[in-house]
PDB file of N, CA and C in Angstrom:
ATOM      1  N   UNK A   1     -44.509 -62.249 -81.520  1.00  0.00           N
ATOM      2  CA  UNK A   1     -45.476 -62.009 -82.586  1.00  0.00           C
ATOM      3  C   UNK A   1     -45.842 -60.520 -82.746  1.00  0.00           C
ATOM      4  N   UNK A   2     -45.823 -59.783 -81.676  1.00  0.00           N
ATOM      5  CA  UNK A   2     -46.061 -58.321 -81.833  1.00  0.00           C
ATOM      6  C   UNK A   2     -44.859 -57.647 -82.541  1.00  0.00           C
ATOM      7  N   UNK A   3     -43.674 -58.129 -82.217  1.00  0.00           N
ATOM      8  CA  UNK A   3     -42.439 -57.526 -82.819  1.00  0.00           C
ATOM      9  C   UNK A   3     -42.492 -57.804 -84.343  1.00  0.00           C
ATOM     10  N   UNK A   4     -42.851 -58.974 -84.708  1.00  0.00           N
ATOM     11  CA  UNK A   4     -42.932 -59.402 -86.191  1.00  0.00           C
ATOM     12  C   UNK A   4     -43.974 -58.479 -86.868  1.00  0.00           C
ATOM     13  N   UNK A   5     -45.107 -58.292 -86.248  1.00  0.00           N
ATOM     14  CA  UNK A   5     -46.221 -57.486 -86.883  1.00  0.00           C
ATOM     15  C   UNK A   5     -45.667 -56.034 -87.080  1.00  0.00           C
ATOM     16  N   UNK A   6     -45.144 -55.495 -86.071  1.00  0.00           N
ATOM     17  CA  UNK A   6     -44.699 -54.085 -86.054  1.00  0.00           C
ATOM     18  C   UNK A   6     -43.419 -54.003 -87.008  1.00  0.00           C
ATOM     19  N   UNK A   7     -42.606 -54.948 -87.118  1.00  0.00           N
ATOM     20  CA  UNK A   7     -41.472 -54.918 -88.069  1.00  0.00           C
ATOM     21  C   UNK A   7     -41.967 -54.906 -89.489  1.00  0.00           C
ATOM     22  N   UNK A   8     -43.025 -55.695 -89.771  1.00  0.00           N
ATOM     23  CA  UNK A   8     -43.643 -55.841 -91.036  1.00  0.00           C
ATOM     24  C   UNK A   8     -44.303 -54.500 -91.470  1.00  0.00           C
ATOM     25  N   UNK A   9     -44.995 -53.779 -90.440  1.00  0.00           N
ATOM     26  CA  UNK A   9     -45.559 -52.524 -90.685  1.00  0.00           C
ATOM     27  C   UNK A   9     -44.486 -51.512 -91.051  1.00  0.00           C
ATOM     28  N   UNK A  10     -43.509 -51.576 -90.291  1.00  0.00           N
ATOM     29  CA  UNK A  10     -42.336 -50.533 -90.516  1.00  0.00           C
ATOM     30  C   UNK A  10     -41.706 -50.747 -91.923  1.00  0.00           C
ATOM     31  N   UNK A  11     -41.430 -52.081 -92.165  1.00  0.00           N
ATOM     32  CA  UNK A  11     -40.782 -52.369 -93.420  1.00  0.00           C
ATOM     33  C   UNK A  11     -41.606 -51.977 -94.649  1.00  0.00           C
ATOM     34  N   UNK A  12     -42.919 -52.233 -94.560  1.00  0.00           N
ATOM     35  CA  UNK A  12     -43.788 -51.940 -95.700  1.00  0.00           C
ATOM     36  C   UNK A  12     -43.965 -50.394 -95.853  1.00  0.00           C
ATOM     37  N   UNK A  13     -44.052 -49.645 -94.708  1.00  0.00           N
ATOM     38  CA  UNK A  13     -44.441 -48.256 -94.805  1.00  0.00           C
ATOM     39  C   UNK A  13     -43.132 -47.346 -95.003  1.00  0.00           C
ATOM     40  N   UNK A  14     -41.912 -47.950 -94.759  1.00  0.00           N
ATOM     41  CA  UNK A  14     -40.697 -47.168 -94.909  1.00  0.00           C
ATOM     42  C   UNK A  14     -40.522 -46.682 -96.272  1.00  0.00           C
ATOM     43  N   UNK A  15     -40.819 -47.424 -97.322  1.00  0.00           N
ATOM     44  CA  UNK A  15     -40.575 -46.950 -98.654  1.00  0.00           C
ATOM     45  C   UNK A  15     -41.830 -46.187 -99.325  1.00  0.00           C
ATOM     46  N   UNK A  16     -42.927 -46.208 -98.625  1.00  0.00           N
ATOM     47  CA  UNK A  16     -44.089 -45.592 -99.125  1.00  0.00           C
ATOM     48  C   UNK A  16     -44.118 -44.081 -98.595  1.00  0.00           C
ATOM     49  N   UNK A  17     -44.797 -43.214 -99.384  1.00  0.00           N
ATOM     50  CA  UNK A  17     -44.815 -41.791 -98.930  1.00  0.00           C
ATOM     51  C   UNK A  17     -45.962 -41.617 -97.874  1.00  0.00           C
ATOM     52  N   UNK A  18     -45.815 -42.314 -96.854  1.00  0.00           N
ATOM     53  CA  UNK A  18     -46.757 -42.297 -95.710  1.00  0.00           C
ATOM     54  C   UNK A  18     -45.839 -42.234 -94.389  1.00  0.00           C
ATOM     55  N   UNK A  19     -46.493 -41.849 -93.276  1.00  0.00           N
ATOM     56  CA  UNK A  19     -45.635 -41.836 -92.135  1.00  0.00           C
ATOM     57  C   UNK A  19     -45.535 -43.325 -91.468  1.00  0.00           C
ATOM     58  N   UNK A  20     -44.357 -43.822 -91.414  1.00  0.00           N
ATOM     59  CA  UNK A  20     -44.008 -45.108 -90.823  1.00  0.00           C
ATOM     60  C   UNK A  20     -44.220 -45.047 -89.319  1.00  0.00           C
ATOM     61  N   UNK A  21     -43.891 -43.868 -88.696  1.00  0.00           N
ATOM     62  CA  UNK A  21     -44.083 -43.718 -87.317  1.00  0.00           C
ATOM     63  C   UNK A  21     -45.534 -43.718 -86.958  1.00  0.00           C
ATOM     64  N   UNK A  22     -46.309 -43.020 -87.793  1.00  0.00           N
ATOM     65  CA  UNK A  22     -47.817 -42.987 -87.448  1.00  0.00           C
ATOM     66  C   UNK A  22     -48.363 -44.473 -87.669  1.00  0.00           C
ATOM     67  N   UNK A  23     -47.974 -45.174 -88.552  1.00  0.00           N
ATOM     68  CA  UNK A  23     -48.478 -46.518 -88.817  1.00  0.00           C
ATOM     69  C   UNK A  23     -47.988 -47.466 -87.581  1.00  0.00           C
ATOM     70  N   UNK A  24     -46.794 -47.268 -87.023  1.00  0.00           N
ATOM     71  CA  UNK A  24     -46.434 -48.051 -85.947  1.00  0.00           C
ATOM     72  C   UNK A  24     -47.174 -47.703 -84.695  1.00  0.00           C
ATOM     73  N   UNK A  25     -47.534 -46.490 -84.507  1.00  0.00           N
ATOM     74  CA  UNK A  25     -48.448 -46.016 -83.408  1.00  0.00           C
ATOM     75  C   UNK A  25     -49.800 -46.622 -83.468  1.00  0.00           C
ATOM     76  N   UNK A  26     -50.371 -46.578 -84.761  1.00  0.00           N
ATOM     77  CA  UNK A  26     -51.677 -47.216 -84.997  1.00  0.00           C
ATOM     78  C   UNK A  26     -51.657 -48.742 -84.771  1.00  0.00           C
ATOM     79  N   UNK A  27     -50.603 -49.401 -85.303  1.00  0.00           N
ATOM     80  CA  UNK A  27     -50.498 -50.768 -85.153  1.00  0.00           C
ATOM     81  C   UNK A  27     -50.357 -51.155 -83.718  1.00  0.00           C
ATOM     82  N   UNK A  28     -49.600 -50.365 -82.934  1.00  0.00           N
ATOM     83  CA  UNK A  28     -49.385 -50.718 -81.485  1.00  0.00           C
ATOM     84  C   UNK A  28     -50.710 -50.570 -80.813  1.00  0.00           C
ATOM     85  N   UNK A  29     -51.459 -49.536 -80.999  1.00  0.00           N
ATOM     86  CA  UNK A  29     -52.794 -49.440 -80.448  1.00  0.00           C
ATOM     87  C   UNK A  29     -53.759 -50.567 -80.772  1.00  0.00           C
ATOM     88  N   UNK A  30     -53.683 -50.947 -82.100  1.00  0.00           N
ATOM     89  CA  UNK A  30     -54.691 -51.978 -82.518  1.00  0.00           C
ATOM     90  C   UNK A  30     -54.270 -53.384 -81.889  1.00  0.00           C
ATOM     91  N   UNK A  31     -52.925 -53.525 -81.672  1.00  0.00           N
ATOM     92  CA  UNK A  31     -52.468 -54.779 -80.893  1.00  0.00           C
ATOM     93  C   UNK A  31     -52.710 -54.683 -79.445  1.00  0.00           C
ATOM     94  N   UNK A  32     -53.175 -53.536 -78.935  1.00  0.00           N
ATOM     95  CA  UNK A  32     -53.407 -53.464 -77.515  1.00  0.00           C
ATOM     96  C   UNK A  32     -52.135 -53.223 -76.651  1.00  0.00           C
ATOM     97  N   UNK A  33     -51.101 -52.611 -77.363  1.00  0.00           N
ATOM     98  CA  UNK A  33     -49.827 -52.393 -76.669  1.00  0.00           C
ATOM     99  C   UNK A  33     -49.786 -51.080 -76.032  1.00  0.00           C
ATOM    100  N   UNK A  34     -50.816 -50.287 -75.870  1.00  0.00           N
ATOM    101  CA  UNK A  34     -50.919 -48.985 -75.312  1.00  0.00           C
ATOM    102  C   UNK A  34     -51.703 -49.084 -74.022  1.00  0.00           C
ATOM    103  N   UNK A  35     -51.239 -48.373 -73.046  1.00  0.00           N
ATOM    104  CA  UNK A  35     -52.063 -48.273 -71.748  1.00  0.00           C
ATOM    105  C   UNK A  35     -51.131 -48.415 -70.575  1.00  0.00           C
ATOM    106  N   UNK A  36     -50.442 -49.500 -70.464  1.00  0.00           N
ATOM    107  CA  UNK A  36     -49.606 -49.755 -69.252  1.00  0.00           C
ATOM    108  C   UNK A  36     -48.192 -48.843 -69.455  1.00  0.00           C
ATOM    109  N   UNK A  37     -47.719 -48.326 -68.297  1.00  0.00           N
ATOM    110  CA  UNK A  37     -46.644 -47.425 -68.429  1.00  0.00           C
ATOM    111  C   UNK A  37     -45.430 -48.281 -68.856  1.00  0.00           C
ATOM    112  N   UNK A  38     -45.257 -49.463 -68.245  1.00  0.00           N
ATOM    113  CA  UNK A  38     -44.129 -50.192 -68.583  1.00  0.00           C
ATOM    114  C   UNK A  38     -44.075 -50.641 -70.033  1.00  0.00           C
ATOM    115  N   UNK A  39     -45.229 -51.008 -70.503  1.00  0.00           N
ATOM    116  CA  UNK A  39     -45.411 -51.471 -71.909  1.00  0.00           C
ATOM    117  C   UNK A  39     -45.057 -50.262 -72.858  1.00  0.00           C
ATOM    118  N   UNK A  40     -45.613 -49.035 -72.543  1.00  0.00           N
ATOM    119  CA  UNK A  40     -45.462 -47.948 -73.321  1.00  0.00           C
ATOM    120  C   UNK A  40     -43.968 -47.469 -73.352  1.00  0.00           C
ATOM    121  N   UNK A  41     -43.299 -47.553 -72.318  1.00  0.00           N
ATOM    122  CA  UNK A  41     -41.796 -47.295 -72.257  1.00  0.00           C
ATOM    123  C   UNK A  41     -41.093 -48.310 -73.162  1.00  0.00           C
ATOM    124  N   UNK A  42     -41.353 -49.567 -73.053  1.00  0.00           N
ATOM    125  CA  UNK A  42     -40.695 -50.565 -73.874  1.00  0.00           C
ATOM    126  C   UNK A  42     -41.028 -50.360 -75.407  1.00  0.00           C
ATOM    127  N   UNK A  43     -42.176 -49.965 -75.631  1.00  0.00           N
ATOM    128  CA  UNK A  43     -42.693 -49.672 -77.116  1.00  0.00           C
ATOM    129  C   UNK A  43     -41.883 -48.379 -77.577  1.00  0.00           C
ATOM    130  N   UNK A  44     -41.674 -47.392 -76.824  1.00  0.00           N
ATOM    131  CA  UNK A  44     -40.883 -46.307 -77.332  1.00  0.00           C
ATOM    132  C   UNK A  44     -39.477 -46.689 -77.686  1.00  0.00           C
ATOM    133  N   UNK A  45     -38.878 -47.489 -76.791  1.00  0.00           N
ATOM    134  CA  UNK A  45     -37.472 -48.015 -77.167  1.00  0.00           C
ATOM    135  C   UNK A  45     -37.542 -48.904 -78.337  1.00  0.00           C
ATOM    136  N   UNK A  46     -38.477 -49.789 -78.472  1.00  0.00           N
ATOM    137  CA  UNK A  46     -38.698 -50.645 -79.595  1.00  0.00           C
ATOM    138  C   UNK A  46     -38.778 -49.916 -81.002  1.00  0.00           C
ATOM    139  N   UNK A  47     -39.666 -48.778 -80.893  1.00  0.00           N
ATOM    140  CA  UNK A  47     -39.910 -47.974 -82.002  1.00  0.00           C
ATOM    141  C   UNK A  47     -38.592 -47.232 -82.430  1.00  0.00           C
ATOM    142  N   UNK A  48     -37.769 -46.775 -81.555  1.00  0.00           N
ATOM    143  CA  UNK A  48     -36.508 -46.151 -81.815  1.00  0.00           C
ATOM    144  C   UNK A  48     -35.571 -47.134 -82.586  1.00  0.00           C
ATOM    145  N   UNK A  49     -35.422 -48.315 -81.881  1.00  0.00           N
ATOM    146  CA  UNK A  49     -34.547 -49.355 -82.556  1.00  0.00           C
ATOM    147  C   UNK A  49     -35.052 -49.716 -83.934  1.00  0.00           C
ATOM    148  N   UNK A  50     -36.290 -49.968 -84.093  1.00  0.00           N
ATOM    149  CA  UNK A  50     -36.841 -50.627 -85.364  1.00  0.00           C
ATOM    150  C   UNK A  50     -36.596 -49.475 -86.473  1.00  0.00           C
ATOM    151  N   UNK A  51     -36.846 -48.217 -86.154  1.00  0.00           N
ATOM    152  CA  UNK A  51     -36.742 -47.129 -87.121  1.00  0.00           C
ATOM    153  C   UNK A  51     -35.227 -46.941 -87.456  1.00  0.00           C
ATOM    154  N   UNK A  52     -34.407 -47.029 -86.421  1.00  0.00           N
ATOM    155  CA  UNK A  52     -32.926 -46.926 -86.697  1.00  0.00           C
ATOM    156  C   UNK A  52     -32.478 -48.064 -87.685  1.00  0.00           C
ATOM    157  N   UNK A  53     -32.911 -49.235 -87.533  1.00  0.00           N
ATOM    158  CA  UNK A  53     -32.691 -50.346 -88.495  1.00  0.00           C
ATOM    159  C   UNK A  53     -33.174 -50.114 -89.833  1.00  0.00           C
ATOM    160  N   UNK A  54     -34.422 -49.487 -89.936  1.00  0.00           N
ATOM    161  CA  UNK A  54     -34.921 -49.290 -91.178  1.00  0.00           C
ATOM    162  C   UNK A  54     -34.177 -48.184 -91.943  1.00  0.00           C
ATOM    163  N   UNK A  55     -33.724 -47.171 -91.223  1.00  0.00           N
ATOM    164  CA  UNK A  55     -32.971 -46.132 -91.749  1.00  0.00           C
ATOM    165  C   UNK A  55     -31.657 -46.647 -92.363  1.00  0.00           C
ATOM    166  N   UNK A  56     -31.004 -47.508 -91.555  1.00  0.00           N
ATOM    167  CA  UNK A  56     -29.653 -48.191 -92.016  1.00  0.00           C
ATOM    168  C   UNK A  56     -29.938 -49.122 -93.334  1.00  0.00           C
ATOM    169  N   UNK A  57     -31.130 -49.703 -93.309  1.00  0.00           N
ATOM    170  CA  UNK A  57     -31.363 -50.511 -94.427  1.00  0.00           C
ATOM    171  C   UNK A  57     -31.592 -49.776 -95.724  1.00  0.00           C
ATOM    172  N   UNK A  58     -32.261 -48.654 -95.557  1.00  0.00           N
ATOM    173  CA  UNK A  58     -32.443 -47.652 -96.674  1.00  0.00           C
ATOM    174  C   UNK A  58     -31.124 -47.106 -97.172  1.00  0.00           C
ATOM    175  N   UNK A  59     -30.270 -46.597 -96.274  1.00  0.00           N
ATOM    176  CA  UNK A  59     -29.044 -46.199 -96.529  1.00  0.00           C
ATOM    177  C   UNK A  59     -28.177 -47.195 -97.320  1.00  0.00           C
ATOM    178  N   UNK A  60     -28.174 -48.420 -96.722  1.00  0.00           N
ATOM    179  CA  UNK A  60     -27.439 -49.410 -97.263  1.00  0.00           C
ATOM    180  C   UNK A  60     -27.873 -49.855 -98.722  1.00  0.00           C
ATOM    181  N   UNK A  61     -29.184 -49.696 -98.959  1.00  0.00           N
ATOM    182  CA  UNK A  61     -29.756 -49.984-100.308  1.00  0.00           C
ATOM    183  C   UNK A  61     -29.433 -48.906-101.320  1.00  0.00           C
ATOM    184  N   UNK A  62     -29.188 -47.735-100.856  1.00  0.00           N
ATOM    185  CA  UNK A  62     -28.821 -46.655-101.800  1.00  0.00           C
ATOM    186  C   UNK A  62     -27.335 -46.436-101.925  1.00  0.00           C
ATOM    187  N   UNK A  63     -26.676 -47.248-101.250  1.00  0.00           N
ATOM    188  CA  UNK A  63     -25.192 -47.299-101.380  1.00  0.00           C
ATOM    189  C   UNK A  63     -24.408 -46.220-100.599  1.00  0.00           C
ATOM    190  N   UNK A  64     -25.118 -45.619 -99.621  1.00  0.00           N
ATOM    191  CA  UNK A  64     -24.425 -44.570 -98.777  1.00  0.00           C
ATOM    192  C   UNK A  64     -23.737 -45.164 -97.592  1.00  0.00           C
ATOM    193  N   UNK A  65     -24.050 -46.441 -97.252  1.00  0.00           N
ATOM    194  CA  UNK A  65     -23.295 -47.024 -96.187  1.00  0.00           C
ATOM    195  C   UNK A  65     -22.621 -48.265 -96.781  1.00  0.00           C
ATOM    196  N   UNK A  66     -21.380 -48.521 -96.456  1.00  0.00           N
ATOM    197  CA  UNK A  66     -20.688 -49.675 -97.010  1.00  0.00           C
ATOM    198  C   UNK A  66     -20.564 -50.698 -95.992  1.00  0.00           C
TER     199      UNK A  66
END
């Protein structure tokens, strides 16, 4: 459930002129995913992967990646 919410936040804010990273951080805090060291390490990895996917999707939509 958390991954779906964060993915939705990333997807919506990627095309807007706002910080998608900042919104991921805020959404993570609102979902209560900050605090535990293990959870925070996993969140950092998740944020890297989800943003990498978003970047590839944007490049794919603009025709720069075949």
